[in-house]
């Protein structure tokens, strides 16, 4: 299979996920501002070469990537982080509440065991907190702590092509004791996500939603009365 990408804005592409890299990968997104770039999530690590081909097809070489921004520690999002960090030196950012699970390769909390796999332990270079910004030149992505699906789930908010884009990977859940999920936090986070009034939502498994009405309609599917 040759390189495949999904263009979202002139500066943002989906470069990983089922049909693009590996069936166990959650979506992987590339943000490319000028000569600098960031990768949002890393997939499971089973198709790294294909992921790199897609990144290059989007016009980015590995040396341009300044941040590997993880939304949470789950295997389908973070399993590829260790290999990418080792190979390219990309600094890995993850919320402080979940850094210990990635650094220890915890197969239960990361859900790697659900896939019959092992999470490769990976150092976390930036233990991020709510509101932290990651710069690409003069522009930035902002981390927003949205716990519930997992304790340290974050979304990343960015402006591109005059639109507000949010990378909120597992809006849909699931909630499970193994994942340390908390329903009250999850519902509060969904409401915070709605309040952002994003123009584009880049989700982890359900695709890309374009337009405020489409974004809100998807999030509202999971909001309890």
N, C-alpha and C. Protein backbone atom coordinates (compact mmCIF):
# COMPACT_ATOMS: atom_id res chain seq x y z
N UNK A 1 0.84 -1.18 0.00
CA UNK A 1 0.00 0.00 0.00
C UNK A 1 0.88 1.24 0.00
N UNK A 2 0.63 2.17 -0.90
CA UNK A 2 1.41 3.39 -0.97
C UNK A 2 0.97 4.38 0.09
N UNK A 3 1.66 5.52 0.19
CA UNK A 3 1.30 6.52 1.19
C UNK A 3 -0.15 6.97 1.02
N UNK A 4 -0.82 7.17 2.15
CA UNK A 4 -2.20 7.64 2.15
C UNK A 4 -2.36 8.65 3.27
N UNK A 5 -3.00 9.77 2.96
CA UNK A 5 -3.28 10.79 3.97
C UNK A 5 -4.69 11.34 3.73
N UNK A 6 -5.23 11.98 4.74
CA UNK A 6 -6.50 12.68 4.63
C UNK A 6 -6.25 14.14 4.98
N UNK A 7 -6.37 15.03 4.00
CA UNK A 7 -6.18 16.46 4.25
C UNK A 7 -7.40 17.01 4.98
N UNK A 8 -7.17 17.76 6.06
CA UNK A 8 -8.25 18.33 6.86
C UNK A 8 -8.30 19.84 6.69
N UNK A 9 -7.16 20.50 6.81
CA UNK A 9 -6.97 21.88 6.40
C UNK A 9 -5.66 21.89 5.62
N UNK A 10 -5.28 23.02 5.02
CA UNK A 10 -3.98 23.04 4.33
C UNK A 10 -2.80 22.75 5.25
N UNK A 11 -3.01 22.82 6.57
CA UNK A 11 -1.92 22.62 7.53
C UNK A 11 -2.09 21.36 8.40
N UNK A 12 -3.19 20.68 8.27
CA UNK A 12 -3.48 19.54 9.14
C UNK A 12 -3.91 18.35 8.29
N UNK A 13 -3.31 17.18 8.58
CA UNK A 13 -3.65 15.95 7.86
C UNK A 13 -3.78 14.80 8.84
N UNK A 14 -4.61 13.83 8.50
CA UNK A 14 -4.60 12.56 9.21
C UNK A 14 -3.63 11.66 8.48
N UNK A 15 -2.65 11.12 9.23
CA UNK A 15 -1.60 10.31 8.61
C UNK A 15 -1.57 8.88 9.15
N UNK A 16 -2.43 8.58 10.13
CA UNK A 16 -2.47 7.23 10.68
C UNK A 16 -3.86 6.85 11.11
N UNK A 17 -4.09 5.55 11.20
CA UNK A 17 -5.38 5.01 11.59
C UNK A 17 -5.75 3.88 10.66
N UNK A 18 -6.82 3.14 10.94
CA UNK A 18 -7.25 2.05 10.07
C UNK A 18 -7.44 2.53 8.63
N UNK A 19 -6.90 1.76 7.70
CA UNK A 19 -6.96 2.15 6.30
C UNK A 19 -5.81 3.03 5.86
N UNK A 20 -5.11 3.62 6.85
CA UNK A 20 -3.95 4.46 6.54
C UNK A 20 -2.66 3.81 7.01
N UNK A 21 -2.71 3.18 8.18
CA UNK A 21 -1.51 2.52 8.73
C UNK A 21 -1.86 1.10 9.18
N UNK A 22 -2.33 0.94 10.41
CA UNK A 22 -2.60 -0.39 10.96
C UNK A 22 -4.01 -0.40 11.56
N UNK A 23 -4.65 -1.55 11.52
CA UNK A 23 -6.01 -1.66 12.01
C UNK A 23 -6.17 -1.38 13.49
N UNK A 24 -5.11 -1.55 14.28
CA UNK A 24 -5.18 -1.28 15.71
C UNK A 24 -4.81 0.15 16.06
N UNK A 25 -4.46 0.95 15.08
CA UNK A 25 -4.09 2.34 15.35
C UNK A 25 -5.33 3.21 15.53
N UNK A 26 -5.33 4.03 16.56
CA UNK A 26 -6.24 5.16 16.58
C UNK A 26 -5.74 6.18 15.56
N UNK A 27 -6.53 7.19 15.31
CA UNK A 27 -6.12 8.21 14.35
C UNK A 27 -4.85 8.92 14.82
N UNK A 28 -3.99 9.21 13.86
CA UNK A 28 -2.77 9.99 14.11
C UNK A 28 -2.86 11.23 13.22
N UNK A 29 -2.65 12.39 13.81
CA UNK A 29 -2.81 13.65 13.08
C UNK A 29 -1.49 14.42 13.04
N UNK A 30 -1.26 15.09 11.93
CA UNK A 30 -0.06 15.88 11.71
C UNK A 30 -0.44 17.35 11.57
N UNK A 31 0.22 18.21 12.34
CA UNK A 31 0.03 19.66 12.26
C UNK A 31 1.32 20.25 11.72
N UNK A 32 1.22 21.03 10.64
CA UNK A 32 2.40 21.51 9.91
C UNK A 32 2.28 23.02 9.71
N UNK A 33 3.03 23.77 10.53
CA UNK A 33 3.03 25.23 10.44
C UNK A 33 4.38 25.68 9.91
N UNK A 34 4.41 26.18 8.70
CA UNK A 34 5.67 26.63 8.12
C UNK A 34 6.65 25.48 8.00
N UNK A 35 7.82 25.63 8.64
CA UNK A 35 8.85 24.60 8.56
C UNK A 35 8.81 23.64 9.74
N UNK A 36 7.86 23.83 10.65
CA UNK A 36 7.81 23.02 11.86
C UNK A 36 6.51 22.23 11.93
N UNK A 37 6.55 21.10 12.65
CA UNK A 37 5.39 20.22 12.71
C UNK A 37 5.29 19.56 14.07
N UNK A 38 4.10 19.04 14.36
CA UNK A 38 3.84 18.24 15.56
C UNK A 38 2.97 17.07 15.16
N UNK A 39 3.13 15.97 15.87
CA UNK A 39 2.33 14.78 15.64
C UNK A 39 1.44 14.57 16.86
N UNK A 40 0.15 14.37 16.62
CA UNK A 40 -0.80 14.10 17.70
C UNK A 40 -1.09 12.61 17.71
N UNK A 41 -0.61 11.93 18.72
CA UNK A 41 -0.69 10.49 18.94
C UNK A 41 0.24 9.72 18.00
N UNK A 42 0.45 8.44 18.34
CA UNK A 42 1.52 7.67 17.70
C UNK A 42 1.08 6.32 17.16
N UNK A 43 -0.22 5.99 17.29
CA UNK A 43 -0.65 4.67 16.89
C UNK A 43 -0.07 3.61 17.81
N UNK A 44 -0.27 2.35 17.45
CA UNK A 44 0.16 1.25 18.31
C UNK A 44 1.61 0.83 18.08
N UNK A 45 2.21 1.30 16.99
CA UNK A 45 3.61 0.98 16.72
C UNK A 45 3.83 -0.18 15.78
N UNK A 46 2.75 -0.71 15.22
CA UNK A 46 2.86 -1.87 14.33
C UNK A 46 3.11 -1.50 12.87
N UNK A 47 2.97 -0.21 12.54
CA UNK A 47 3.13 0.21 11.13
C UNK A 47 3.86 1.54 11.07
N UNK A 48 4.96 1.63 11.82
CA UNK A 48 5.69 2.90 11.90
C UNK A 48 6.24 3.34 10.55
N UNK A 49 6.76 2.42 9.77
CA UNK A 49 7.30 2.81 8.46
C UNK A 49 6.21 3.38 7.56
N UNK A 50 5.04 2.79 7.61
CA UNK A 50 3.93 3.31 6.81
C UNK A 50 3.51 4.69 7.31
N UNK A 51 3.50 4.87 8.63
CA UNK A 51 3.19 6.18 9.20
C UNK A 51 4.18 7.23 8.71
N UNK A 52 5.45 6.89 8.70
CA UNK A 52 6.47 7.83 8.24
C UNK A 52 6.32 8.15 6.76
N UNK A 53 5.95 7.16 5.97
CA UNK A 53 5.68 7.41 4.55
C UNK A 53 4.54 8.42 4.38
N UNK A 54 3.51 8.27 5.20
CA UNK A 54 2.38 9.18 5.10
C UNK A 54 2.76 10.59 5.55
N UNK A 55 3.58 10.68 6.59
CA UNK A 55 4.04 11.99 7.05
C UNK A 55 4.81 12.68 5.93
N UNK A 56 5.66 11.94 5.26
CA UNK A 56 6.44 12.54 4.16
C UNK A 56 5.54 12.89 2.99
N UNK A 57 4.50 12.09 2.75
CA UNK A 57 3.55 12.41 1.69
C UNK A 57 2.79 13.70 1.97
N UNK A 58 2.68 14.05 3.26
CA UNK A 58 2.05 15.30 3.66
C UNK A 58 3.01 16.47 3.61
N UNK A 59 4.24 16.22 3.17
CA UNK A 59 5.21 17.30 2.98
C UNK A 59 6.09 17.58 4.17
N UNK A 60 6.20 16.64 5.09
CA UNK A 60 6.99 16.83 6.31
C UNK A 60 8.05 15.74 6.41
N UNK A 61 9.27 16.13 6.74
CA UNK A 61 10.31 15.15 7.03
C UNK A 61 10.47 15.07 8.55
N UNK A 62 10.94 13.94 9.07
CA UNK A 62 10.99 13.76 10.53
C UNK A 62 11.72 14.86 11.28
N UNK A 63 12.74 15.44 10.67
CA UNK A 63 13.52 16.48 11.35
C UNK A 63 12.70 17.74 11.63
N UNK A 64 11.57 17.90 10.97
CA UNK A 64 10.72 19.08 11.20
C UNK A 64 9.79 18.91 12.39
N UNK A 65 9.62 17.70 12.88
CA UNK A 65 8.68 17.45 13.96
C UNK A 65 9.32 17.81 15.30
N UNK A 66 8.64 18.69 16.02
CA UNK A 66 9.16 19.21 17.29
C UNK A 66 8.48 18.60 18.52
N UNK A 67 7.26 18.07 18.36
CA UNK A 67 6.53 17.54 19.50
C UNK A 67 5.78 16.28 19.09
N UNK A 68 5.79 15.28 19.98
CA UNK A 68 4.91 14.12 19.87
C UNK A 68 3.92 14.26 21.02
N UNK A 69 2.71 14.69 20.68
CA UNK A 69 1.70 15.05 21.67
C UNK A 69 0.71 13.90 21.81
N UNK A 70 0.72 13.27 22.96
CA UNK A 70 -0.18 12.14 23.21
C UNK A 70 -1.44 12.62 23.91
N UNK A 71 -2.58 12.11 23.46
CA UNK A 71 -3.85 12.48 24.09
C UNK A 71 -4.08 11.69 25.37
N UNK A 72 -3.58 10.46 25.44
CA UNK A 72 -3.65 9.66 26.65
C UNK A 72 -2.77 8.42 26.44
N UNK A 73 -2.69 7.57 27.46
CA UNK A 73 -1.68 6.51 27.44
C UNK A 73 -2.14 5.22 26.77
N UNK A 74 -3.34 5.16 26.24
CA UNK A 74 -3.84 3.89 25.73
C UNK A 74 -3.05 3.40 24.54
N UNK A 75 -2.89 2.09 24.49
CA UNK A 75 -2.00 1.41 23.53
C UNK A 75 -2.21 1.85 22.09
N UNK A 76 -3.45 2.00 21.66
CA UNK A 76 -3.72 2.35 20.26
C UNK A 76 -3.31 3.77 19.93
N UNK A 77 -3.07 4.57 20.96
CA UNK A 77 -2.62 5.96 20.78
C UNK A 77 -1.14 6.15 21.09
N UNK A 78 -0.62 5.35 22.01
CA UNK A 78 0.73 5.61 22.54
C UNK A 78 1.74 4.51 22.27
N UNK A 79 1.30 3.35 21.76
CA UNK A 79 2.21 2.22 21.61
C UNK A 79 3.39 2.49 20.70
N UNK A 80 3.22 3.39 19.75
CA UNK A 80 4.31 3.71 18.82
C UNK A 80 5.26 4.77 19.33
N UNK A 81 4.96 5.36 20.49
CA UNK A 81 5.76 6.50 20.96
C UNK A 81 7.20 6.14 21.23
N UNK A 82 7.43 5.00 21.89
CA UNK A 82 8.80 4.64 22.26
C UNK A 82 9.69 4.50 21.04
N UNK A 83 9.20 3.83 20.01
CA UNK A 83 10.00 3.65 18.81
C UNK A 83 10.30 4.96 18.10
N UNK A 84 9.31 5.84 18.03
CA UNK A 84 9.51 7.13 17.37
C UNK A 84 10.47 8.01 18.16
N UNK A 85 10.34 8.00 19.47
CA UNK A 85 11.24 8.80 20.31
C UNK A 85 12.67 8.28 20.19
N UNK A 86 12.82 6.96 20.22
CA UNK A 86 14.16 6.37 20.12
C UNK A 86 14.80 6.67 18.77
N UNK A 87 14.01 6.61 17.72
CA UNK A 87 14.53 6.76 16.36
C UNK A 87 14.84 8.20 16.00
N UNK A 88 13.97 9.13 16.46
CA UNK A 88 14.09 10.52 16.01
C UNK A 88 14.34 11.52 17.13
N UNK A 89 14.21 11.10 18.37
CA UNK A 89 14.41 12.01 19.48
C UNK A 89 13.26 12.97 19.71
N UNK A 90 12.09 12.68 19.14
CA UNK A 90 10.95 13.57 19.35
C UNK A 90 10.54 13.55 20.81
N UNK A 91 10.45 14.71 21.47
CA UNK A 91 10.03 14.74 22.87
C UNK A 91 8.56 14.36 23.00
N UNK A 92 8.28 13.47 23.94
CA UNK A 92 6.94 12.95 24.16
C UNK A 92 6.26 13.73 25.27
N UNK A 93 5.05 14.22 24.97
CA UNK A 93 4.25 14.95 25.96
C UNK A 93 3.01 14.14 26.30
N UNK A 94 2.72 14.05 27.60
CA UNK A 94 1.57 13.31 28.09
C UNK A 94 1.18 13.92 29.43
N UNK A 95 -0.11 13.89 29.75
CA UNK A 95 -0.53 14.47 31.01
C UNK A 95 0.18 13.78 32.17
N UNK A 96 0.49 14.56 33.20
CA UNK A 96 1.24 14.04 34.35
C UNK A 96 0.54 12.86 35.02
N UNK A 97 -0.79 12.82 34.98
CA UNK A 97 -1.52 11.72 35.62
C UNK A 97 -1.33 10.38 34.93
N UNK A 98 -0.92 10.41 33.66
CA UNK A 98 -0.78 9.16 32.91
C UNK A 98 0.65 8.81 32.56
N UNK A 99 1.58 9.73 32.79
CA UNK A 99 2.97 9.46 32.48
C UNK A 99 3.49 8.18 33.14
N UNK A 100 3.13 7.89 34.41
CA UNK A 100 3.66 6.66 35.03
C UNK A 100 3.26 5.39 34.31
N UNK A 101 2.07 5.36 33.71
CA UNK A 101 1.60 4.14 33.04
C UNK A 101 2.34 3.91 31.73
N UNK A 102 2.67 4.97 31.02
CA UNK A 102 3.45 4.82 29.79
C UNK A 102 4.90 4.49 30.12
N UNK A 103 5.43 5.13 31.14
CA UNK A 103 6.84 4.91 31.48
C UNK A 103 7.09 3.51 32.03
N UNK A 104 6.06 2.90 32.62
CA UNK A 104 6.22 1.55 33.16
C UNK A 104 5.71 0.48 32.21
N UNK A 105 5.09 0.87 31.09
CA UNK A 105 4.54 -0.11 30.16
C UNK A 105 3.39 -0.89 30.77
N UNK A 106 2.47 -0.21 31.42
CA UNK A 106 1.34 -0.84 32.10
C UNK A 106 0.32 -1.36 31.09
N UNK A 107 0.18 -2.67 31.01
CA UNK A 107 -0.69 -3.26 29.99
C UNK A 107 -2.17 -3.20 30.36
N UNK A 108 -2.48 -3.05 31.63
CA UNK A 108 -3.89 -2.98 32.02
C UNK A 108 -4.46 -1.58 31.81
N UNK A 109 -3.84 -0.59 32.44
CA UNK A 109 -4.37 0.77 32.34
C UNK A 109 -4.28 1.29 30.91
N UNK A 110 -3.29 0.84 30.15
CA UNK A 110 -3.15 1.27 28.76
C UNK A 110 -4.06 0.52 27.80
N UNK A 111 -4.73 -0.53 28.29
CA UNK A 111 -5.60 -1.40 27.47
C UNK A 111 -4.82 -2.23 26.46
N UNK A 112 -3.50 -2.28 26.56
CA UNK A 112 -2.74 -3.15 25.65
C UNK A 112 -3.20 -4.59 25.78
N UNK A 113 -3.56 -4.99 27.00
CA UNK A 113 -4.02 -6.36 27.22
C UNK A 113 -5.29 -6.66 26.46
N UNK A 114 -6.11 -5.64 26.21
CA UNK A 114 -7.33 -5.84 25.43
C UNK A 114 -7.01 -6.28 24.01
N UNK A 115 -5.86 -5.87 23.53
CA UNK A 115 -5.42 -6.21 22.17
C UNK A 115 -4.54 -7.46 22.15
N UNK A 116 -4.29 -8.04 23.33
CA UNK A 116 -3.36 -9.15 23.40
C UNK A 116 -1.94 -8.71 23.13
N UNK A 117 -1.62 -7.45 23.47
CA UNK A 117 -0.31 -6.88 23.17
C UNK A 117 0.34 -6.37 24.45
N UNK A 118 1.58 -5.92 24.31
CA UNK A 118 2.34 -5.30 25.40
C UNK A 118 2.68 -3.87 25.03
N UNK A 119 2.46 -2.96 25.96
CA UNK A 119 2.81 -1.56 25.75
C UNK A 119 4.31 -1.38 25.99
N UNK A 120 5.01 -0.91 24.98
CA UNK A 120 6.44 -0.64 25.13
C UNK A 120 6.62 0.60 26.00
N UNK A 121 7.34 0.45 27.09
CA UNK A 121 7.56 1.58 28.00
C UNK A 121 8.27 2.71 27.26
N UNK A 122 7.88 3.94 27.58
CA UNK A 122 8.45 5.11 26.91
C UNK A 122 8.64 6.23 27.91
N UNK A 123 9.82 6.85 27.96
CA UNK A 123 9.98 8.02 28.81
C UNK A 123 9.05 9.15 28.36
N UNK A 124 8.57 9.92 29.32
CA UNK A 124 7.74 11.10 29.04
C UNK A 124 8.60 12.33 29.31
N UNK A 125 8.81 13.12 28.27
CA UNK A 125 9.68 14.29 28.39
C UNK A 125 8.97 15.50 28.97
N UNK A 126 7.68 15.60 28.68
CA UNK A 126 6.88 16.72 29.18
C UNK A 126 5.65 16.16 29.87
N UNK A 127 5.60 16.33 31.19
CA UNK A 127 4.40 15.96 31.96
C UNK A 127 3.50 17.18 31.94
N UNK A 128 2.58 17.19 31.00
CA UNK A 128 1.84 18.42 30.76
C UNK A 128 0.71 18.62 31.76
N UNK A 129 0.28 19.88 31.86
CA UNK A 129 -0.84 20.27 32.70
C UNK A 129 -1.86 21.00 31.85
N UNK A 130 -3.04 21.17 32.39
CA UNK A 130 -4.11 21.85 31.67
C UNK A 130 -3.68 23.24 31.24
N UNK A 131 -3.94 23.56 29.98
CA UNK A 131 -3.63 24.89 29.46
C UNK A 131 -2.25 25.05 28.87
N UNK A 132 -1.40 24.04 29.00
CA UNK A 132 -0.03 24.15 28.49
C UNK A 132 -0.02 24.32 26.98
N UNK A 133 0.90 25.13 26.49
CA UNK A 133 1.00 25.41 25.06
C UNK A 133 2.29 24.80 24.49
N UNK A 134 2.17 24.31 23.28
CA UNK A 134 3.30 23.74 22.56
C UNK A 134 3.49 24.54 21.28
N UNK A 135 4.65 25.16 21.16
CA UNK A 135 4.86 26.13 20.09
C UNK A 135 5.51 25.50 18.86
N UNK A 136 5.03 25.96 17.72
CA UNK A 136 5.65 25.71 16.42
C UNK A 136 5.91 27.09 15.83
N UNK A 137 7.10 27.63 16.08
CA UNK A 137 7.36 29.01 15.71
C UNK A 137 6.51 29.93 16.56
N UNK A 138 5.77 30.83 15.91
CA UNK A 138 4.92 31.79 16.62
C UNK A 138 3.53 31.25 16.92
N UNK A 139 3.22 30.05 16.45
CA UNK A 139 1.89 29.47 16.63
C UNK A 139 1.96 28.30 17.61
N UNK A 140 0.81 27.93 18.14
CA UNK A 140 0.85 26.92 19.20
C UNK A 140 -0.40 26.05 19.19
N UNK A 141 -0.26 24.90 19.86
CA UNK A 141 -1.36 24.02 20.20
C UNK A 141 -1.51 24.08 21.71
N UNK A 142 -2.75 24.16 22.18
CA UNK A 142 -2.99 24.23 23.62
C UNK A 142 -3.59 22.93 24.11
N UNK A 143 -3.03 22.40 25.19
CA UNK A 143 -3.54 21.17 25.81
C UNK A 143 -4.67 21.51 26.78
N UNK A 144 -5.74 20.74 26.69
CA UNK A 144 -6.90 20.93 27.55
C UNK A 144 -7.16 19.60 28.28
N UNK A 145 -7.11 19.60 29.59
CA UNK A 145 -7.33 18.38 30.37
C UNK A 145 -8.81 18.04 30.35
N UNK A 146 -9.15 16.88 29.80
CA UNK A 146 -10.54 16.43 29.70
C UNK A 146 -10.64 15.00 30.23
N UNK A 147 -10.56 14.84 31.54
CA UNK A 147 -10.55 13.49 32.12
C UNK A 147 -11.91 12.82 32.01
N UNK A 148 -11.90 11.53 32.24
CA UNK A 148 -13.13 10.75 32.25
C UNK A 148 -12.93 9.41 31.60
N UNK A 149 -12.66 9.42 30.30
CA UNK A 149 -12.29 8.17 29.61
C UNK A 149 -11.06 7.59 30.29
N UNK A 150 -10.11 8.45 30.59
CA UNK A 150 -8.93 8.10 31.38
C UNK A 150 -8.59 9.31 32.24
N UNK A 151 -7.80 9.14 33.31
CA UNK A 151 -7.55 10.26 34.22
C UNK A 151 -6.86 11.46 33.58
N UNK A 152 -5.97 11.18 32.63
CA UNK A 152 -5.19 12.25 32.05
C UNK A 152 -5.49 12.51 30.59
N UNK A 153 -6.68 12.18 30.14
CA UNK A 153 -7.04 12.47 28.74
C UNK A 153 -6.95 13.97 28.49
N UNK A 154 -6.36 14.33 27.36
CA UNK A 154 -6.29 15.73 26.97
C UNK A 154 -6.74 15.87 25.52
N UNK A 155 -7.22 17.06 25.20
CA UNK A 155 -7.45 17.45 23.82
C UNK A 155 -6.44 18.54 23.49
N UNK A 156 -6.17 18.72 22.22
CA UNK A 156 -5.28 19.79 21.77
C UNK A 156 -6.07 20.71 20.86
N UNK A 157 -6.01 21.99 21.14
CA UNK A 157 -6.77 23.01 20.42
C UNK A 157 -5.83 23.87 19.60
N UNK A 158 -6.21 24.14 18.35
CA UNK A 158 -5.35 24.92 17.46
C UNK A 158 -6.22 25.67 16.46
N UNK A 159 -5.71 26.79 15.99
CA UNK A 159 -6.37 27.54 14.93
C UNK A 159 -5.65 27.24 13.62
N UNK A 160 -6.44 26.92 12.59
CA UNK A 160 -5.86 26.64 11.27
C UNK A 160 -6.86 27.02 10.20
N UNK A 161 -6.39 27.74 9.20
CA UNK A 161 -7.24 28.11 8.06
C UNK A 161 -8.48 28.88 8.54
N UNK A 162 -8.31 29.69 9.58
CA UNK A 162 -9.40 30.48 10.11
C UNK A 162 -10.43 29.69 10.89
N UNK A 163 -10.10 28.46 11.25
CA UNK A 163 -11.05 27.61 11.96
C UNK A 163 -10.42 27.06 13.24
N UNK A 164 -11.29 26.81 14.21
CA UNK A 164 -10.87 26.25 15.49
C UNK A 164 -10.94 24.72 15.38
N UNK A 165 -9.78 24.09 15.52
CA UNK A 165 -9.67 22.64 15.35
C UNK A 165 -9.31 22.03 16.70
N UNK A 166 -10.03 20.98 17.08
CA UNK A 166 -9.73 20.30 18.34
C UNK A 166 -9.46 18.82 18.08
N UNK A 167 -8.35 18.35 18.60
CA UNK A 167 -7.99 16.93 18.55
C UNK A 167 -8.44 16.33 19.89
N UNK A 168 -9.60 15.70 19.90
CA UNK A 168 -10.16 15.12 21.11
C UNK A 168 -10.43 13.66 20.81
N UNK A 169 -9.47 12.82 21.17
CA UNK A 169 -9.39 11.52 20.53
C UNK A 169 -10.47 10.51 20.90
N UNK A 170 -10.81 10.37 22.15
CA UNK A 170 -11.79 9.34 22.50
C UNK A 170 -13.01 9.96 23.16
N UNK A 171 -13.64 10.87 22.41
CA UNK A 171 -14.86 11.52 22.87
C UNK A 171 -15.92 10.49 23.23
N UNK A 172 -15.94 9.40 22.49
CA UNK A 172 -16.98 8.38 22.63
C UNK A 172 -16.76 7.44 23.83
N UNK A 173 -15.64 7.56 24.52
CA UNK A 173 -15.31 6.60 25.58
C UNK A 173 -14.40 5.51 25.01
N UNK A 174 -14.51 4.29 25.51
CA UNK A 174 -15.46 3.78 26.50
C UNK A 174 -15.01 4.10 27.93
N UNK A 175 -15.89 3.79 28.88
CA UNK A 175 -15.57 3.90 30.30
C UNK A 175 -15.45 2.49 30.86
N UNK A 176 -14.35 2.24 31.62
CA UNK A 176 -14.11 0.90 32.14
C UNK A 176 -13.19 0.99 33.35
N UNK A 177 -13.41 0.15 34.36
CA UNK A 177 -12.54 0.21 35.55
C UNK A 177 -11.06 0.00 35.24
N UNK A 178 -10.74 -0.87 34.27
CA UNK A 178 -9.33 -1.09 33.93
C UNK A 178 -8.66 0.19 33.46
N UNK A 179 -9.44 1.07 32.85
CA UNK A 179 -8.91 2.32 32.30
C UNK A 179 -8.92 3.46 33.31
N UNK A 180 -9.39 3.16 34.52
CA UNK A 180 -9.53 4.17 35.58
C UNK A 180 -10.49 5.27 35.17
N UNK A 181 -11.51 4.89 34.40
CA UNK A 181 -12.49 5.85 33.92
C UNK A 181 -13.35 6.37 35.08
N UNK A 182 -13.89 7.58 34.90
CA UNK A 182 -14.78 8.17 35.90
C UNK A 182 -15.90 8.89 35.17
N UNK A 183 -17.13 8.38 35.35
CA UNK A 183 -18.26 8.89 34.57
C UNK A 183 -18.54 10.36 34.83
N UNK A 184 -18.48 10.82 36.07
CA UNK A 184 -18.78 12.23 36.35
C UNK A 184 -17.78 13.15 35.67
N UNK A 185 -16.50 12.77 35.68
CA UNK A 185 -15.49 13.57 34.98
C UNK A 185 -15.74 13.57 33.48
N UNK A 186 -16.10 12.40 32.96
CA UNK A 186 -16.36 12.26 31.52
C UNK A 186 -17.49 13.18 31.08
N UNK A 187 -18.57 13.20 31.83
CA UNK A 187 -19.70 14.05 31.46
C UNK A 187 -19.31 15.54 31.54
N UNK A 188 -18.56 15.91 32.57
CA UNK A 188 -18.11 17.30 32.68
C UNK A 188 -17.19 17.67 31.52
N UNK A 189 -16.35 16.74 31.11
CA UNK A 189 -15.43 17.00 30.00
C UNK A 189 -16.17 17.15 28.69
N UNK A 190 -17.20 16.36 28.47
CA UNK A 190 -18.00 16.50 27.26
C UNK A 190 -18.61 17.90 27.18
N UNK A 191 -19.07 18.40 28.29
CA UNK A 191 -19.67 19.75 28.29
C UNK A 191 -18.62 20.82 28.04
N UNK A 192 -17.42 20.63 28.57
CA UNK A 192 -16.33 21.57 28.28
C UNK A 192 -15.99 21.54 26.78
N UNK A 193 -16.01 20.35 26.22
CA UNK A 193 -15.70 20.20 24.80
C UNK A 193 -16.76 20.91 23.95
N UNK A 194 -18.01 20.76 24.32
CA UNK A 194 -19.08 21.46 23.60
C UNK A 194 -18.90 22.97 23.67
N UNK A 195 -18.48 23.46 24.84
CA UNK A 195 -18.35 24.90 25.04
C UNK A 195 -17.25 25.52 24.19
N UNK A 196 -16.33 24.70 23.69
CA UNK A 196 -15.26 25.22 22.82
C UNK A 196 -15.80 25.72 21.48
N UNK A 197 -16.94 25.19 21.08
CA UNK A 197 -17.55 25.54 19.79
C UNK A 197 -16.53 25.38 18.64
N UNK A 198 -15.92 24.22 18.61
CA UNK A 198 -14.92 23.95 17.57
C UNK A 198 -15.57 23.84 16.20
N UNK A 199 -14.82 24.25 15.19
CA UNK A 199 -15.28 24.14 13.81
C UNK A 199 -14.96 22.77 13.23
N UNK A 200 -13.91 22.13 13.75
CA UNK A 200 -13.50 20.81 13.28
C UNK A 200 -13.12 19.98 14.50
N UNK A 201 -13.65 18.76 14.56
CA UNK A 201 -13.28 17.81 15.60
C UNK A 201 -12.56 16.64 14.94
N UNK A 202 -11.33 16.38 15.39
CA UNK A 202 -10.56 15.23 14.93
C UNK A 202 -10.61 14.18 16.03
N UNK A 203 -11.42 13.15 15.83
CA UNK A 203 -11.65 12.13 16.85
C UNK A 203 -10.72 10.95 16.60
N UNK A 204 -10.64 10.07 17.58
CA UNK A 204 -9.68 8.98 17.49
C UNK A 204 -10.14 7.79 16.68
N UNK A 205 -11.46 7.57 16.64
CA UNK A 205 -11.97 6.35 16.01
C UNK A 205 -13.16 6.60 15.10
N UNK A 206 -13.81 7.74 15.25
CA UNK A 206 -15.03 8.02 14.49
C UNK A 206 -14.80 8.98 13.33
N UNK A 207 -13.57 9.43 13.12
CA UNK A 207 -13.29 10.27 11.98
C UNK A 207 -13.24 11.74 12.30
N UNK A 208 -13.38 12.56 11.26
CA UNK A 208 -13.26 14.00 11.35
C UNK A 208 -14.64 14.62 11.10
N UNK A 209 -15.04 15.51 12.01
CA UNK A 209 -16.33 16.18 11.90
C UNK A 209 -16.08 17.65 11.56
N UNK A 210 -16.71 18.12 10.49
CA UNK A 210 -16.47 19.47 9.99
C UNK A 210 -17.75 20.29 10.10
N UNK A 211 -17.63 21.48 10.70
CA UNK A 211 -18.77 22.36 10.92
C UNK A 211 -19.22 22.27 12.36
N UNK A 212 -19.55 23.42 12.94
CA UNK A 212 -19.90 23.44 14.36
C UNK A 212 -21.11 22.56 14.67
N UNK A 213 -22.07 22.52 13.77
CA UNK A 213 -23.27 21.71 14.02
C UNK A 213 -22.92 20.23 14.06
N UNK A 214 -22.08 19.79 13.13
CA UNK A 214 -21.69 18.38 13.09
C UNK A 214 -20.86 18.01 14.30
N UNK A 215 -19.97 18.90 14.71
CA UNK A 215 -19.14 18.65 15.89
C UNK A 215 -20.02 18.51 17.13
N UNK A 216 -20.92 19.48 17.32
CA UNK A 216 -21.79 19.47 18.49
C UNK A 216 -22.69 18.24 18.49
N UNK A 217 -23.22 17.87 17.34
CA UNK A 217 -24.12 16.72 17.27
C UNK A 217 -23.42 15.44 17.68
N UNK A 218 -22.15 15.28 17.28
CA UNK A 218 -21.42 14.08 17.67
C UNK A 218 -21.18 14.05 19.17
N UNK A 219 -20.71 15.15 19.73
CA UNK A 219 -20.44 15.18 21.18
C UNK A 219 -21.72 14.94 21.97
N UNK A 220 -22.81 15.54 21.53
CA UNK A 220 -24.07 15.44 22.26
C UNK A 220 -24.61 14.01 22.30
N UNK A 221 -24.16 13.17 21.40
CA UNK A 221 -24.58 11.75 21.43
C UNK A 221 -24.22 11.08 22.74
N UNK A 222 -23.18 11.59 23.41
CA UNK A 222 -22.65 10.92 24.60
C UNK A 222 -22.94 11.68 25.89
N UNK A 223 -23.63 12.83 25.76
CA UNK A 223 -23.96 13.64 26.94
C UNK A 223 -25.25 13.10 27.56
N UNK A 224 -25.21 12.82 28.85
CA UNK A 224 -26.39 12.33 29.56
C UNK A 224 -27.20 13.50 30.09
N UNK A 225 -28.51 13.36 30.06
CA UNK A 225 -29.39 14.41 30.58
C UNK A 225 -29.30 14.48 32.10
